[in-house]
């Protein structure tokens, strides 16, 4: 690349991280520890630095967005984020860490598997009947997927029978249930995954995660763009704190027919946050319109000051305003 200022993102070594993808992206030798996320932004839990070690905030102030590269060797928690109204109310009452929503998008860099939003009920009933989870299928047919989710989490519906039914099925959704059950036995979220869209992304395909979308990443590497908020509510598939009551309050059970987002001209829009991720081919020109961050497939990390004339020397993602 040219005309950008080199920066150094912050690496998070969470236990679920892959050991090779991120260090190899950055031109480093894998050291055996998990490299889960690379953060580019001004978030206090992982601030980006300039080449001289000073914080990026000296040039940008606090950025409203956070860019991440995520590489998951193991599944992440099942979670959702609040609306802006819920975040403000929860912040005032001490429930949430900040008064902001946390819309996100993820673009796959490798084949990527995820759970994303409640599956349309007809498809869920077909799946549950096919694997022999008849009790859960009956509840979904009679009361809807949202009610089934509530009943599984409240202990009014035994998840064990649905989980056990998956043991004799080779459907991808059932095979993931088997794996998750070995990791988190007795967790009702394992059965709840049967109510969600199971998505397999190819590189370049993307998910747009709006407020209330119950989701979880299963495996793969991708680049995320999100509003810089800490407001996440976990329901399970984790050793971290979960809050089922709060999760059920904020989850949107509306079926999501097509979770894979439509991408036009290499632009991945996150309209709720007023930003987008654009793809530049090697050699393509771009003029920055604000404080922008760029990451190339060669691992280059750059800050673009407003009105920077920029030429990508390798295929590159850039965060711009919409």
C-alpha atoms as a PDB file:
ATOM      1  CA  UNK A   1       0.000   0.000   0.000  1.00  0.00           C
ATOM      2  CA  UNK A   2       0.980   3.665  -0.268  1.00  0.00           C
ATOM      3  CA  UNK A   3       0.091   6.871   1.569  1.00  0.00           C
ATOM      4  CA  UNK A   4      -1.074   5.161   4.736  1.00  0.00           C
ATOM      5  CA  UNK A   5       0.445   5.356   8.185  1.00  0.00           C
ATOM      6  CA  UNK A   6       1.481   1.969   9.653  1.00  0.00           C
ATOM      7  CA  UNK A   7      -0.242   0.937  12.863  1.00  0.00           C
ATOM      8  CA  UNK A   8      -0.133  -2.099  15.122  1.00  0.00           C
ATOM      9  CA  UNK A   9      -3.368  -3.770  16.155  1.00  0.00           C
ATOM     10  CA  UNK A  10      -3.945  -5.478  19.485  1.00  0.00           C
ATOM     11  CA  UNK A  11      -4.002  -9.297  19.574  1.00  0.00           C
ATOM     12  CA  UNK A  12      -6.410 -11.158  21.872  1.00  0.00           C
ATOM     13  CA  UNK A  13      -5.292 -14.682  22.787  1.00  0.00           C
ATOM     14  CA  UNK A  14      -8.667 -16.152  23.747  1.00  0.00           C
ATOM     15  CA  UNK A  15      -8.750 -19.920  24.248  1.00  0.00           C
ATOM     16  CA  UNK A  16     -10.969 -20.598  21.217  1.00  0.00           C
ATOM     17  CA  UNK A  17      -8.536 -18.976  18.786  1.00  0.00           C
ATOM     18  CA  UNK A  18      -6.722 -20.698  15.954  1.00  0.00           C
ATOM     19  CA  UNK A  19      -2.976 -21.075  16.346  1.00  0.00           C
ATOM     20  CA  UNK A  20      -1.909 -20.357  12.753  1.00  0.00           C
ATOM     21  CA  UNK A  21      -4.169 -18.017  10.766  1.00  0.00           C
ATOM     22  CA  UNK A  22      -3.474 -14.680  12.454  1.00  0.00           C
ATOM     23  CA  UNK A  23       0.281 -15.036  12.993  1.00  0.00           C
ATOM     24  CA  UNK A  24       0.695 -16.157   9.391  1.00  0.00           C
ATOM     25  CA  UNK A  25      -1.428 -13.224   8.171  1.00  0.00           C
ATOM     26  CA  UNK A  26       0.895 -10.890  10.075  1.00  0.00           C
ATOM     27  CA  UNK A  27       4.047 -12.596   8.784  1.00  0.00           C
ATOM     28  CA  UNK A  28       4.919 -14.109  12.159  1.00  0.00           C
ATOM     29  CA  UNK A  29       5.924 -17.621  13.167  1.00  0.00           C
ATOM     30  CA  UNK A  30       3.116 -19.385  15.086  1.00  0.00           C
ATOM     31  CA  UNK A  31       4.106 -19.765  18.722  1.00  0.00           C
ATOM     32  CA  UNK A  32       1.587 -22.447  19.703  1.00  0.00           C
ATOM     33  CA  UNK A  33      -0.774 -20.186  21.625  1.00  0.00           C
ATOM     34  CA  UNK A  34      -4.246 -19.320  20.320  1.00  0.00           C
ATOM     35  CA  UNK A  35      -4.474 -16.098  18.307  1.00  0.00           C
ATOM     36  CA  UNK A  36      -8.183 -15.354  18.435  1.00  0.00           C
ATOM     37  CA  UNK A  37      -8.637 -11.728  17.371  1.00  0.00           C
ATOM     38  CA  UNK A  38      -6.705  -8.769  15.999  1.00  0.00           C
ATOM     39  CA  UNK A  39      -8.314  -5.459  17.014  1.00  0.00           C
ATOM     40  CA  UNK A  40      -7.911  -2.259  15.002  1.00  0.00           C
ATOM     41  CA  UNK A  41      -9.436   0.773  16.670  1.00  0.00           C
ATOM     42  CA  UNK A  42      -9.382   2.798  19.861  1.00  0.00           C
ATOM     43  CA  UNK A  43     -11.316   0.487  22.179  1.00  0.00           C
ATOM     44  CA  UNK A  44      -9.687   0.669  25.647  1.00  0.00           C
ATOM     45  CA  UNK A  45      -9.564  -3.122  25.956  1.00  0.00           C
ATOM     46  CA  UNK A  46      -7.350  -3.400  22.884  1.00  0.00           C
ATOM     47  CA  UNK A  47      -6.092  -0.046  21.589  1.00  0.00           C
ATOM     48  CA  UNK A  48      -4.194   0.190  18.320  1.00  0.00           C
ATOM     49  CA  UNK A  49      -0.770   1.841  18.426  1.00  0.00           C
ATOM     50  CA  UNK A  50       1.190   3.911  15.943  1.00  0.00           C
ATOM     51  CA  UNK A  51       4.624   2.729  14.851  1.00  0.00           C
ATOM     52  CA  UNK A  52       6.303   4.782  17.599  1.00  0.00           C
ATOM     53  CA  UNK A  53       4.171   3.112  20.288  1.00  0.00           C
ATOM     54  CA  UNK A  54       1.861   6.051  20.891  1.00  0.00           C
ATOM     55  CA  UNK A  55      -1.884   5.366  20.868  1.00  0.00           C
ATOM     56  CA  UNK A  56      -3.911   5.846  17.696  1.00  0.00           C
ATOM     57  CA  UNK A  57      -6.210   8.151  19.672  1.00  0.00           C
ATOM     58  CA  UNK A  58      -3.571  10.889  19.482  1.00  0.00           C
ATOM     59  CA  UNK A  59      -4.549  11.245  15.815  1.00  0.00           C
ATOM     60  CA  UNK A  60      -8.175  10.155  15.756  1.00  0.00           C
ATOM     61  CA  UNK A  61      -9.731  10.623  19.164  1.00  0.00           C
ATOM     62  CA  UNK A  62     -12.160   7.856  20.077  1.00  0.00           C
ATOM     63  CA  UNK A  63     -13.333   6.023  16.959  1.00  0.00           C
ATOM     64  CA  UNK A  64     -17.000   4.926  16.944  1.00  0.00           C
ATOM     65  CA  UNK A  65     -16.198   1.622  15.254  1.00  0.00           C
ATOM     66  CA  UNK A  66     -13.948  -1.382  15.821  1.00  0.00           C
ATOM     67  CA  UNK A  67     -12.389  -3.545  13.109  1.00  0.00           C
ATOM     68  CA  UNK A  68     -11.387  -7.090  14.011  1.00  0.00           C
ATOM     69  CA  UNK A  69      -9.911 -10.137  12.365  1.00  0.00           C
ATOM     70  CA  UNK A  70     -11.323 -13.215  14.081  1.00  0.00           C
ATOM     71  CA  UNK A  71     -10.018 -16.767  13.752  1.00  0.00           C
ATOM     72  CA  UNK A  72     -11.966 -19.474  15.572  1.00  0.00           C
ATOM     73  CA  UNK A  73     -10.760 -23.034  15.984  1.00  0.00           C
ATOM     74  CA  UNK A  74     -13.593 -23.731  18.445  1.00  0.00           C
ATOM     75  CA  UNK A  75     -17.153 -22.404  18.786  1.00  0.00           C
ATOM     76  CA  UNK A  76     -17.833 -19.062  20.449  1.00  0.00           C
ATOM     77  CA  UNK A  77     -20.710 -18.343  22.817  1.00  0.00           C
ATOM     78  CA  UNK A  78     -24.339 -18.051  21.746  1.00  0.00           C
ATOM     79  CA  UNK A  79     -25.121 -14.362  22.194  1.00  0.00           C
ATOM     80  CA  UNK A  80     -27.120 -11.295  21.215  1.00  0.00           C
ATOM     81  CA  UNK A  81     -26.797  -7.522  21.454  1.00  0.00           C
ATOM     82  CA  UNK A  82     -29.373  -4.922  22.533  1.00  0.00           C
ATOM     83  CA  UNK A  83     -31.086  -2.211  20.521  1.00  0.00           C
ATOM     84  CA  UNK A  84     -29.998   1.362  21.165  1.00  0.00           C
ATOM     85  CA  UNK A  85     -33.098   1.932  23.322  1.00  0.00           C
ATOM     86  CA  UNK A  86     -32.406  -1.229  25.346  1.00  0.00           C
ATOM     87  CA  UNK A  87     -28.747  -0.259  25.696  1.00  0.00           C
ATOM     88  CA  UNK A  88     -29.580   3.214  26.985  1.00  0.00           C
ATOM     89  CA  UNK A  89     -32.113   1.894  29.468  1.00  0.00           C
ATOM     90  CA  UNK A  90     -29.757  -0.871  30.582  1.00  0.00           C
ATOM     91  CA  UNK A  91     -26.851   1.526  30.952  1.00  0.00           C
ATOM     92  CA  UNK A  92     -28.918   3.836  33.139  1.00  0.00           C
ATOM     93  CA  UNK A  93     -29.864   0.890  35.370  1.00  0.00           C
ATOM     94  CA  UNK A  94     -26.339  -0.537  35.499  1.00  0.00           C
ATOM     95  CA  UNK A  95     -27.069  -3.607  33.359  1.00  0.00           C
ATOM     96  CA  UNK A  96     -25.002  -2.630  30.317  1.00  0.00           C
ATOM     97  CA  UNK A  97     -21.468  -1.280  30.118  1.00  0.00           C
ATOM     98  CA  UNK A  98     -22.306   1.580  27.748  1.00  0.00           C
ATOM     99  CA  UNK A  99     -25.394   3.202  26.175  1.00  0.00           C
ATOM    100  CA  UNK A 100     -24.694   1.941  22.643  1.00  0.00           C
ATOM    101  CA  UNK A 101     -25.995  -0.773  20.378  1.00  0.00           C
ATOM    102  CA  UNK A 102     -23.501  -3.197  18.840  1.00  0.00           C
ATOM    103  CA  UNK A 103     -24.450  -3.937  15.228  1.00  0.00           C
ATOM    104  CA  UNK A 104     -21.877  -6.117  13.493  1.00  0.00           C
ATOM    105  CA  UNK A 105     -20.982  -7.559  10.145  1.00  0.00           C
ATOM    106  CA  UNK A 106     -18.608 -10.406   9.392  1.00  0.00           C
ATOM    107  CA  UNK A 107     -16.943 -11.137   6.054  1.00  0.00           C
ATOM    108  CA  UNK A 108     -15.514 -14.632   5.670  1.00  0.00           C
ATOM    109  CA  UNK A 109     -11.804 -14.863   4.848  1.00  0.00           C
ATOM    110  CA  UNK A 110     -11.880 -18.672   4.874  1.00  0.00           C
ATOM    111  CA  UNK A 111     -14.801 -21.112   4.763  1.00  0.00           C
ATOM    112  CA  UNK A 112     -16.756 -20.037   7.831  1.00  0.00           C
ATOM    113  CA  UNK A 113     -19.570 -21.692   9.792  1.00  0.00           C
ATOM    114  CA  UNK A 114     -21.951 -19.787  12.029  1.00  0.00           C
ATOM    115  CA  UNK A 115     -25.355 -19.767  13.680  1.00  0.00           C
ATOM    116  CA  UNK A 116     -27.313 -16.670  12.729  1.00  0.00           C
ATOM    117  CA  UNK A 117     -30.884 -15.778  13.634  1.00  0.00           C
ATOM    118  CA  UNK A 118     -33.996 -17.895  14.075  1.00  0.00           C
ATOM    119  CA  UNK A 119     -34.646 -20.217  11.148  1.00  0.00           C
ATOM    120  CA  UNK A 120     -38.060 -20.038   9.411  1.00  0.00           C
ATOM    121  CA  UNK A 121     -40.325 -22.439  11.244  1.00  0.00           C
ATOM    122  CA  UNK A 122     -41.244 -24.659   8.287  1.00  0.00           C
ATOM    123  CA  UNK A 123     -37.567 -25.433   7.724  1.00  0.00           C
ATOM    124  CA  UNK A 124     -37.002 -26.025  11.433  1.00  0.00           C
ATOM    125  CA  UNK A 125     -39.921 -28.443  11.651  1.00  0.00           C
ATOM    126  CA  UNK A 126     -38.584 -30.343   8.634  1.00  0.00           C
ATOM    127  CA  UNK A 127     -35.136 -30.590  10.242  1.00  0.00           C
ATOM    128  CA  UNK A 128     -36.446 -31.680  13.637  1.00  0.00           C
ATOM    129  CA  UNK A 129     -38.693 -34.326  12.117  1.00  0.00           C
ATOM    130  CA  UNK A 130     -35.841 -35.593   9.946  1.00  0.00           C
ATOM    131  CA  UNK A 131     -33.556 -36.127  12.946  1.00  0.00           C
ATOM    132  CA  UNK A 132     -36.332 -37.530  15.134  1.00  0.00           C
ATOM    133  CA  UNK A 133     -36.646 -34.621  17.577  1.00  0.00           C
ATOM    134  CA  UNK A 134     -40.416 -34.977  17.504  1.00  0.00           C
ATOM    135  CA  UNK A 135     -41.224 -33.301  20.840  1.00  0.00           C
ATOM    136  CA  UNK A 136     -39.375 -30.135  19.898  1.00  0.00           C
ATOM    137  CA  UNK A 137     -40.878 -30.221  16.405  1.00  0.00           C
ATOM    138  CA  UNK A 138     -44.363 -30.382  17.917  1.00  0.00           C
ATOM    139  CA  UNK A 139     -43.731 -27.331  20.129  1.00  0.00           C
ATOM    140  CA  UNK A 140     -42.348 -25.322  17.214  1.00  0.00           C
ATOM    141  CA  UNK A 141     -45.348 -26.260  15.065  1.00  0.00           C
ATOM    142  CA  UNK A 142     -47.886 -25.495  17.777  1.00  0.00           C
ATOM    143  CA  UNK A 143     -46.334 -22.497  19.546  1.00  0.00           C
ATOM    144  CA  UNK A 144     -43.546 -21.134  17.349  1.00  0.00           C
ATOM    145  CA  UNK A 145     -39.760 -21.169  17.523  1.00  0.00           C
ATOM    146  CA  UNK A 146     -39.604 -18.202  19.903  1.00  0.00           C
ATOM    147  CA  UNK A 147     -41.765 -19.969  22.465  1.00  0.00           C
ATOM    148  CA  UNK A 148     -39.768 -23.174  22.015  1.00  0.00           C
ATOM    149  CA  UNK A 149     -36.586 -21.233  22.746  1.00  0.00           C
ATOM    150  CA  UNK A 150     -38.083 -19.726  25.896  1.00  0.00           C
ATOM    151  CA  UNK A 151     -39.276 -23.119  27.105  1.00  0.00           C
ATOM    152  CA  UNK A 152     -35.881 -24.741  26.508  1.00  0.00           C
ATOM    153  CA  UNK A 153     -34.081 -22.014  28.441  1.00  0.00           C
ATOM    154  CA  UNK A 154     -36.688 -21.926  31.228  1.00  0.00           C
ATOM    155  CA  UNK A 155     -36.470 -25.684  31.769  1.00  0.00           C
ATOM    156  CA  UNK A 156     -40.097 -26.200  30.727  1.00  0.00           C
ATOM    157  CA  UNK A 157     -38.973 -28.350  27.808  1.00  0.00           C
ATOM    158  CA  UNK A 158     -36.298 -31.007  28.237  1.00  0.00           C
ATOM    159  CA  UNK A 159     -33.493 -30.410  25.726  1.00  0.00           C
ATOM    160  CA  UNK A 160     -32.046 -33.880  26.269  1.00  0.00           C
ATOM    161  CA  UNK A 161     -34.398 -35.699  23.899  1.00  0.00           C
ATOM    162  CA  UNK A 162     -33.592 -33.352  21.012  1.00  0.00           C
ATOM    163  CA  UNK A 163     -29.871 -33.627  21.716  1.00  0.00           C
ATOM    164  CA  UNK A 164     -30.067 -37.411  21.915  1.00  0.00           C
ATOM    165  CA  UNK A 165     -31.949 -37.577  18.610  1.00  0.00           C
ATOM    166  CA  UNK A 166     -29.005 -35.898  16.919  1.00  0.00           C
ATOM    167  CA  UNK A 167     -26.711 -38.803  17.796  1.00  0.00           C
ATOM    168  CA  UNK A 168     -28.056 -40.918  14.942  1.00  0.00           C
ATOM    169  CA  UNK A 169     -28.220 -38.163  12.317  1.00  0.00           C
ATOM    170  CA  UNK A 170     -25.608 -37.030   9.817  1.00  0.00           C
ATOM    171  CA  UNK A 171     -27.262 -33.680   9.140  1.00  0.00           C
ATOM    172  CA  UNK A 172     -24.683 -30.885   9.671  1.00  0.00           C
ATOM    173  CA  UNK A 173     -26.904 -29.229  12.279  1.00  0.00           C
ATOM    174  CA  UNK A 174     -27.141 -32.485  14.224  1.00  0.00           C
ATOM    175  CA  UNK A 175     -23.425 -33.158  13.991  1.00  0.00           C
ATOM    176  CA  UNK A 176     -22.704 -29.739  15.473  1.00  0.00           C
ATOM    177  CA  UNK A 177     -25.129 -30.510  18.302  1.00  0.00           C
ATOM    178  CA  UNK A 178     -23.161 -33.678  19.022  1.00  0.00           C
ATOM    179  CA  UNK A 179     -19.900 -31.735  19.184  1.00  0.00           C
ATOM    180  CA  UNK A 180     -21.324 -28.916  21.291  1.00  0.00           C
ATOM    181  CA  UNK A 181     -22.878 -31.408  23.706  1.00  0.00           C
ATOM    182  CA  UNK A 182     -19.483 -32.947  24.387  1.00  0.00           C
ATOM    183  CA  UNK A 183     -18.115 -29.482  25.152  1.00  0.00           C
ATOM    184  CA  UNK A 184     -21.091 -28.157  27.157  1.00  0.00           C
ATOM    185  CA  UNK A 185     -23.147 -31.121  28.400  1.00  0.00           C
ATOM    186  CA  UNK A 186     -26.496 -30.130  29.854  1.00  0.00           C
ATOM    187  CA  UNK A 187     -26.405 -26.623  28.382  1.00  0.00           C
ATOM    188  CA  UNK A 188     -29.857 -25.849  26.896  1.00  0.00           C
ATOM    189  CA  UNK A 189     -28.165 -23.675  24.269  1.00  0.00           C
ATOM    190  CA  UNK A 190     -27.017 -26.884  22.585  1.00  0.00           C
ATOM    191  CA  UNK A 191     -30.635 -27.725  21.751  1.00  0.00           C
ATOM    192  CA  UNK A 192     -31.447 -24.080  20.990  1.00  0.00           C
ATOM    193  CA  UNK A 193     -28.966 -24.210  18.094  1.00  0.00           C
ATOM    194  CA  UNK A 194     -31.472 -26.462  16.302  1.00  0.00           C
ATOM    195  CA  UNK A 195     -33.793 -23.447  16.047  1.00  0.00           C
ATOM    196  CA  UNK A 196     -31.191 -21.223  14.370  1.00  0.00           C
ATOM    197  CA  UNK A 197     -29.927 -20.830  10.825  1.00  0.00           C
ATOM    198  CA  UNK A 198     -26.764 -22.837  10.261  1.00  0.00           C
ATOM    199  CA  UNK A 199     -24.751 -20.838   7.743  1.00  0.00           C
ATOM    200  CA  UNK A 200     -21.711 -21.932   5.741  1.00  0.00           C
ATOM    201  CA  UNK A 201     -19.979 -18.931   4.189  1.00  0.00           C
ATOM    202  CA  UNK A 202     -17.463 -18.940   1.370  1.00  0.00           C
ATOM    203  CA  UNK A 203     -14.683 -16.334   1.375  1.00  0.00           C
ATOM    204  CA  UNK A 204     -16.173 -12.945   0.541  1.00  0.00           C
ATOM    205  CA  UNK A 205     -19.663 -13.829   1.778  1.00  0.00           C
ATOM    206  CA  UNK A 206     -20.937 -11.986   4.833  1.00  0.00           C
ATOM    207  CA  UNK A 207     -23.393 -11.816   7.720  1.00  0.00           C
ATOM    208  CA  UNK A 208     -25.114  -8.684   9.030  1.00  0.00           C
ATOM    209  CA  UNK A 209     -25.920  -9.096  12.716  1.00  0.00           C
ATOM    210  CA  UNK A 210     -28.582  -6.645  13.844  1.00  0.00           C
ATOM    211  CA  UNK A 211     -29.804  -6.048  17.398  1.00  0.00           C
ATOM    212  CA  UNK A 212     -31.540  -9.078  18.882  1.00  0.00           C
ATOM    213  CA  UNK A 213     -30.009 -11.556  16.431  1.00  0.00           C
ATOM    214  CA  UNK A 214     -29.094 -14.692  18.389  1.00  0.00           C
ATOM    215  CA  UNK A 215     -25.852 -15.888  16.875  1.00  0.00           C
ATOM    216  CA  UNK A 216     -22.655 -17.806  17.442  1.00  0.00           C
ATOM    217  CA  UNK A 217     -19.542 -18.423  15.386  1.00  0.00           C
ATOM    218  CA  UNK A 218     -18.592 -22.077  15.032  1.00  0.00           C
ATOM    219  CA  UNK A 219     -15.385 -22.236  13.002  1.00  0.00           C
ATOM    220  CA  UNK A 220     -13.351 -20.213  10.538  1.00  0.00           C
ATOM    221  CA  UNK A 221     -11.653 -16.870  10.006  1.00  0.00           C
ATOM    222  CA  UNK A 222     -13.232 -13.572   9.046  1.00  0.00           C
ATOM    223  CA  UNK A 223     -13.036  -9.807   9.328  1.00  0.00           C
ATOM    224  CA  UNK A 224     -15.585  -8.048  11.545  1.00  0.00           C
ATOM    225  CA  UNK A 225     -16.775  -4.467  11.605  1.00  0.00           C
ATOM    226  CA  UNK A 226     -18.860  -3.322  14.557  1.00  0.00           C
ATOM    227  CA  UNK A 227     -19.857  -0.350  16.631  1.00  0.00           C
ATOM    228  CA  UNK A 228     -17.383   0.057  19.491  1.00  0.00           C
ATOM    229  CA  UNK A 229     -19.580  -1.257  22.300  1.00  0.00           C
ATOM    230  CA  UNK A 230     -19.105  -3.860  25.021  1.00  0.00           C
ATOM    231  CA  UNK A 231     -22.796  -4.760  25.231  1.00  0.00           C
ATOM    232  CA  UNK A 232     -23.077  -8.505  24.744  1.00  0.00           C
ATOM    233  CA  UNK A 233     -25.495 -10.909  26.450  1.00  0.00           C
ATOM    234  CA  UNK A 234     -24.542 -14.581  26.437  1.00  0.00           C
ATOM    235  CA  UNK A 235     -26.952 -17.488  26.648  1.00  0.00           C
ATOM    236  CA  UNK A 236     -24.569 -20.422  26.694  1.00  0.00           C
ATOM    237  CA  UNK A 237     -21.829 -22.418  24.950  1.00  0.00           C
ATOM    238  CA  UNK A 238     -19.313 -20.652  27.151  1.00  0.00           C
ATOM    239  CA  UNK A 239     -17.680 -20.704  30.565  1.00  0.00           C
ATOM    240  CA  UNK A 240     -18.285 -16.947  30.820  1.00  0.00           C
ATOM    241  CA  UNK A 241     -21.230 -15.362  32.611  1.00  0.00           C
ATOM    242  CA  UNK A 242     -24.638 -16.010  31.042  1.00  0.00           C
ATOM    243  CA  UNK A 243     -27.873 -14.109  31.653  1.00  0.00           C
ATOM    244  CA  UNK A 244     -30.833 -16.068  30.321  1.00  0.00           C
ATOM    245  CA  UNK A 245     -33.460 -13.611  31.544  1.00  0.00           C
ATOM    246  CA  UNK A 246     -31.772 -10.667  29.864  1.00  0.00           C
ATOM    247  CA  UNK A 247     -31.053 -12.676  26.727  1.00  0.00           C
ATOM    248  CA  UNK A 248     -34.700 -13.626  26.314  1.00  0.00           C
ATOM    249  CA  UNK A 249     -35.660  -9.994  26.829  1.00  0.00           C
ATOM    250  CA  UNK A 250     -33.502  -8.790  23.941  1.00  0.00           C
ATOM    251  CA  UNK A 251     -33.587 -11.697  21.460  1.00  0.00           C
ATOM    252  CA  UNK A 252     -35.651 -11.074  18.351  1.00  0.00           C
ATOM    253  CA  UNK A 253     -37.435 -14.367  17.510  1.00  0.00           C
ATOM    254  CA  UNK A 254     -38.602 -13.135  14.097  1.00  0.00           C
ATOM    255  CA  UNK A 255     -37.532 -15.778  11.538  1.00  0.00           C
ATOM    256  CA  UNK A 256     -34.609 -14.729   9.362  1.00  0.00           C
ATOM    257  CA  UNK A 257     -35.147 -16.265   5.938  1.00  0.00           C
ATOM    258  CA  UNK A 258     -31.828 -15.262   4.376  1.00  0.00           C
ATOM    259  CA  UNK A 259     -29.012 -14.545   6.812  1.00  0.00           C
ATOM    260  CA  UNK A 260     -26.314 -14.060   4.158  1.00  0.00           C
ATOM    261  CA  UNK A 261     -26.154 -10.355   3.306  1.00  0.00           C
ATOM    262  CA  UNK A 262     -26.286  -8.958  -0.205  1.00  0.00           C
ATOM    263  CA  UNK A 263     -23.042  -7.273  -1.231  1.00  0.00           C
ATOM    264  CA  UNK A 264     -22.926  -4.655  -3.992  1.00  0.00           C
ATOM    265  CA  UNK A 265     -19.673  -3.549  -5.645  1.00  0.00           C
ATOM    266  CA  UNK A 266     -17.512  -4.882  -2.828  1.00  0.00           C
ATOM    267  CA  UNK A 267     -19.244  -2.735  -0.191  1.00  0.00           C
ATOM    268  CA  UNK A 268     -20.363  -4.308   3.077  1.00  0.00           C
ATOM    269  CA  UNK A 269     -22.605  -1.743   4.736  1.00  0.00           C
ATOM    270  CA  UNK A 270     -23.294  -1.385   8.454  1.00  0.00           C
ATOM    271  CA  UNK A 271     -25.898   1.392   8.248  1.00  0.00           C
ATOM    272  CA  UNK A 272     -26.767   1.422  11.953  1.00  0.00           C
ATOM    273  CA  UNK A 273     -23.213   2.554  12.723  1.00  0.00           C
ATOM    274  CA  UNK A 274     -22.808   4.815   9.689  1.00  0.00           C
ATOM    275  CA  UNK A 275     -19.801   2.874   8.390  1.00  0.00           C
ATOM    276  CA  UNK A 276     -19.007   0.271   5.777  1.00  0.00           C
ATOM    277  CA  UNK A 277     -16.227  -2.104   4.834  1.00  0.00           C
ATOM    278  CA  UNK A 278     -15.058  -1.745   1.245  1.00  0.00           C
ATOM    279  CA  UNK A 279     -12.901  -4.126  -0.760  1.00  0.00           C
ATOM    280  CA  UNK A 280     -10.107  -2.684  -2.881  1.00  0.00           C
ATOM    281  CA  UNK A 281      -8.306  -4.789  -5.460  1.00  0.00           C
ATOM    282  CA  UNK A 282      -4.538  -4.458  -5.654  1.00  0.00           C
ATOM    283  CA  UNK A 283      -3.721  -1.258  -7.524  1.00  0.00           C
ATOM    284  CA  UNK A 284      -7.108   0.347  -6.874  1.00  0.00           C
ATOM    285  CA  UNK A 285      -7.240   3.997  -5.805  1.00  0.00           C
ATOM    286  CA  UNK A 286      -9.230   5.339  -2.856  1.00  0.00           C
ATOM    287  CA  UNK A 287      -9.558   8.766  -1.220  1.00  0.00           C
ATOM    288  CA  UNK A 288     -10.345   8.629   2.488  1.00  0.00           C
ATOM    289  CA  UNK A 289     -13.266  10.686   3.754  1.00  0.00           C
ATOM    290  CA  UNK A 290     -12.514  10.506   7.475  1.00  0.00           C
ATOM    291  CA  UNK A 291     -10.412   8.611   9.992  1.00  0.00           C
ATOM    292  CA  UNK A 292     -10.154   5.239   8.238  1.00  0.00           C
ATOM    293  CA  UNK A 293      -8.396   1.963   8.979  1.00  0.00           C
ATOM    294  CA  UNK A 294      -7.161  -0.464   6.351  1.00  0.00           C
ATOM    295  CA  UNK A 295      -6.053  -4.087   6.469  1.00  0.00           C
ATOM    296  CA  UNK A 296      -4.612  -5.960   3.495  1.00  0.00           C
ATOM    297  CA  UNK A 297      -4.543  -9.680   2.800  1.00  0.00           C
ATOM    298  CA  UNK A 298      -0.767  -9.341   3.163  1.00  0.00           C
ATOM    299  CA  UNK A 299      -1.276  -8.318   6.792  1.00  0.00           C
ATOM    300  CA  UNK A 300      -0.512  -4.597   6.397  1.00  0.00           C
ATOM    301  CA  UNK A 301      -2.322  -2.428   8.951  1.00  0.00           C
ATOM    302  CA  UNK A 302      -2.739   1.244   8.132  1.00  0.00           C
ATOM    303  CA  UNK A 303      -4.372   4.427   9.330  1.00  0.00           C
ATOM    304  CA  UNK A 304      -5.662   6.754   6.607  1.00  0.00           C
ATOM    305  CA  UNK A 305      -6.062  10.368   7.663  1.00  0.00           C
ATOM    306  CA  UNK A 306      -8.902  12.369   6.106  1.00  0.00           C
ATOM    307  CA  UNK A 307      -8.368  13.126   2.386  1.00  0.00           C
ATOM    308  CA  UNK A 308      -5.536  10.617   2.043  1.00  0.00           C
ATOM    309  CA  UNK A 309      -4.866   9.528  -1.546  1.00  0.00           C
ATOM    310  CA  UNK A 310      -4.375   5.811  -1.183  1.00  0.00           C
ATOM    311  CA  UNK A 311      -3.364   3.046  -3.583  1.00  0.00           C
ATOM    312  CA  UNK A 312      -3.726  -0.572  -2.467  1.00  0.00           C
ATOM    313  CA  UNK A 313      -0.568  -2.597  -3.099  1.00  0.00           C
ATOM    314  CA  UNK A 314      -2.476  -5.778  -2.194  1.00  0.00           C
ATOM    315  CA  UNK A 315      -6.145  -6.676  -1.903  1.00  0.00           C
ATOM    316  CA  UNK A 316      -7.375  -4.578   1.001  1.00  0.00           C
ATOM    317  CA  UNK A 317     -10.343  -3.940   3.282  1.00  0.00           C
ATOM    318  CA  UNK A 318     -10.959  -0.302   4.295  1.00  0.00           C
ATOM    319  CA  UNK A 319     -13.445   1.087   6.827  1.00  0.00           C
ATOM    320  CA  UNK A 320     -15.196   4.185   5.473  1.00  0.00           C
ATOM    321  CA  UNK A 321     -18.264   6.205   6.384  1.00  0.00           C
ATOM    322  CA  UNK A 322     -21.501   5.514   4.497  1.00  0.00           C
END
